Every structure is written in structure tokens, then in C-alpha cells.
Amino acid sequence: MQKARITVSIKREVLEAAEDRVAAGEASSVSAWVEDAMEKKANDDELLALLAEMDAEFGPPSEEAEAWARNVLGY
């Protein structure tokens, strides 16, 4: 997959958190940590869109179904 170089401005605390993860060996670089976070955000957005479509077609889930899903997903 082809990579693209970008420039972004972020809060100092966020950068420090990324640098801490790299120092702890949890990410290979700040770029890798940011890319992972961006992928997770994109996946969350896609999931929210799918859930909105399901709500429109089938109605909202029951409280029991929602509690089960939150438990399984760790929310």
C-alpha cells in the first residue's frame, strides 16, 4: 500500500502519549501510532453508518440486545 506524507497539528499531550507508546514498544513509530488511530476512527465511522442503516430498516435494538452488544464489544 502506498503511503502519503502529511502535516498535522495536534495537542502536545497527544504527541506525548504517542511518544510514550513508541518508547514502551507498543508502536514502531509516532506515524504508525497515528495511522492506527486513524484507521480505528474510520472503522468506527463505518460501523456507525451501518448501525444507522439497520435502525432505519429494522428499528432500534431492544435493551437486551444493546446490553449484549455493549458487553461483547467492551463498551
C-alpha atoms as a PDB file:
ATOM      1  CA  MET A   1       0.000   0.000   0.000  1.00  0.00           C
ATOM      2  CA  GLN A   2       1.287   3.416  -0.920  1.00  0.00           C
ATOM      3  CA  LYS A   3       1.896   5.893   1.908  1.00  0.00           C
ATOM      4  CA  ALA A   4       1.383   9.666   1.807  1.00  0.00           C
ATOM      5  CA  ARG A   5       3.198  12.270   3.857  1.00  0.00           C
ATOM      6  CA  ILE A   6       1.003  14.843   5.600  1.00  0.00           C
ATOM      7  CA  THR A   7       1.471  17.612   8.128  1.00  0.00           C
ATOM      8  CA  VAL A   8      -0.907  17.911  11.070  1.00  0.00           C
ATOM      9  CA  SER A   9      -1.108  19.936  14.260  1.00  0.00           C
ATOM     10  CA  ILE A  10      -2.082  18.103  17.441  1.00  0.00           C
ATOM     11  CA  LYS A  11      -2.188  18.828  21.149  1.00  0.00           C
ATOM     12  CA  ARG A  12       1.168  18.423  22.891  1.00  0.00           C
ATOM     13  CA  GLU A  13      -0.389  15.842  25.259  1.00  0.00           C
ATOM     14  CA  VAL A  14      -1.462  13.677  22.328  1.00  0.00           C
ATOM     15  CA  LEU A  15       2.030  13.757  20.865  1.00  0.00           C
ATOM     16  CA  GLU A  16       3.499  12.856  24.243  1.00  0.00           C
ATOM     17  CA  ALA A  17       1.093   9.917  24.532  1.00  0.00           C
ATOM     18  CA  ALA A  18       2.187   8.686  21.107  1.00  0.00           C
ATOM     19  CA  GLU A  19       5.853   9.081  22.005  1.00  0.00           C
ATOM     20  CA  ASP A  20       5.257   7.178  25.253  1.00  0.00           C
ATOM     21  CA  ARG A  21       3.689   4.291  23.284  1.00  0.00           C
ATOM     22  CA  VAL A  22       6.687   4.201  20.958  1.00  0.00           C
ATOM     23  CA  ALA A  23       9.108   4.243  23.920  1.00  0.00           C
ATOM     24  CA  ALA A  24       7.152   1.385  25.520  1.00  0.00           C
ATOM     25  CA  GLY A  25       7.422  -0.650  22.321  1.00  0.00           C
ATOM     26  CA  GLU A  26       3.657  -0.537  21.710  1.00  0.00           C
ATOM     27  CA  ALA A  27       4.122   1.236  18.353  1.00  0.00           C
ATOM     28  CA  SER A  28       7.012   1.235  15.931  1.00  0.00           C
ATOM     29  CA  SER A  29       6.800   4.999  15.361  1.00  0.00           C
ATOM     30  CA  VAL A  30       4.607   8.021  16.011  1.00  0.00           C
ATOM     31  CA  SER A  31       3.440   7.742  12.392  1.00  0.00           C
ATOM     32  CA  ALA A  32       2.406   4.112  12.943  1.00  0.00           C
ATOM     33  CA  TRP A  33       0.537   5.053  16.120  1.00  0.00           C
ATOM     34  CA  VAL A  34      -1.318   7.893  14.353  1.00  0.00           C
ATOM     35  CA  GLU A  35      -2.128   5.684  11.355  1.00  0.00           C
ATOM     36  CA  ASP A  36      -3.579   3.020  13.673  1.00  0.00           C
ATOM     37  CA  ALA A  37      -5.733   5.622  15.436  1.00  0.00           C
ATOM     38  CA  MET A  38      -6.973   6.994  12.109  1.00  0.00           C
ATOM     39  CA  GLU A  39      -7.863   3.501  10.868  1.00  0.00           C
ATOM     40  CA  LYS A  40      -9.802   2.812  14.072  1.00  0.00           C
ATOM     41  CA  LYS A  41     -11.705   6.090  13.668  1.00  0.00           C
ATOM     42  CA  ALA A  42     -12.555   5.295  10.042  1.00  0.00           C
ATOM     43  CA  ASN A  43     -13.795   1.836  11.044  1.00  0.00           C
ATOM     44  CA  ASP A  44     -15.897   3.332  13.855  1.00  0.00           C
ATOM     45  CA  ASP A  45     -17.463   5.784  11.394  1.00  0.00           C
ATOM     46  CA  GLU A  46     -18.315   2.932   9.010  1.00  0.00           C
ATOM     47  CA  LEU A  47     -19.842   0.917  11.855  1.00  0.00           C
ATOM     48  CA  LEU A  48     -21.952   3.877  12.995  1.00  0.00           C
ATOM     49  CA  ALA A  49     -23.237   4.349   9.444  1.00  0.00           C
ATOM     50  CA  LEU A  50     -24.159   0.654   9.251  1.00  0.00           C
ATOM     51  CA  LEU A  51     -25.946   0.793  12.605  1.00  0.00           C
ATOM     52  CA  ALA A  52     -27.899   3.858  11.481  1.00  0.00           C
ATOM     53  CA  GLU A  53     -28.995   1.980   8.341  1.00  0.00           C
ATOM     54  CA  MET A  54     -30.048  -1.012  10.460  1.00  0.00           C
ATOM     55  CA  ASP A  55     -32.028   1.258  12.812  1.00  0.00           C
ATOM     56  CA  ALA A  56     -33.798   2.829   9.831  1.00  0.00           C
ATOM     57  CA  GLU A  57     -34.679  -0.546   8.338  1.00  0.00           C
ATOM     58  CA  PHE A  58     -35.431  -2.627  11.455  1.00  0.00           C
ATOM     59  CA  GLY A  59     -35.910  -0.087  14.231  1.00  0.00           C
ATOM     60  CA  PRO A  60     -33.664   0.335  17.242  1.00  0.00           C
ATOM     61  CA  PRO A  61     -32.393  -2.769  19.075  1.00  0.00           C
ATOM     62  CA  SER A  62     -34.051  -3.979  22.256  1.00  0.00           C
ATOM     63  CA  GLU A  63     -32.436  -3.000  25.546  1.00  0.00           C
ATOM     64  CA  GLU A  64     -31.360  -6.629  25.973  1.00  0.00           C
ATOM     65  CA  ALA A  65     -29.724  -6.772  22.529  1.00  0.00           C
ATOM     66  CA  GLU A  66     -27.958  -3.463  23.106  1.00  0.00           C
ATOM     67  CA  ALA A  67     -26.686  -4.583  26.531  1.00  0.00           C
ATOM     68  CA  TRP A  68     -25.374  -7.816  24.986  1.00  0.00           C
ATOM     69  CA  ALA A  69     -23.594  -5.948  22.185  1.00  0.00           C
ATOM     70  CA  ARG A  70     -22.038  -3.439  24.602  1.00  0.00           C
ATOM     71  CA  ASN A  71     -20.811  -6.301  26.769  1.00  0.00           C
ATOM     72  CA  VAL A  72     -19.326  -8.186  23.826  1.00  0.00           C
ATOM     73  CA  LEU A  73     -17.667  -5.048  22.399  1.00  0.00           C
ATOM     74  CA  GLY A  74     -16.476  -3.818  25.784  1.00  0.00           C
ATOM     75  CA  TYR A  75     -18.415  -0.537  25.813  1.00  0.00           C
END
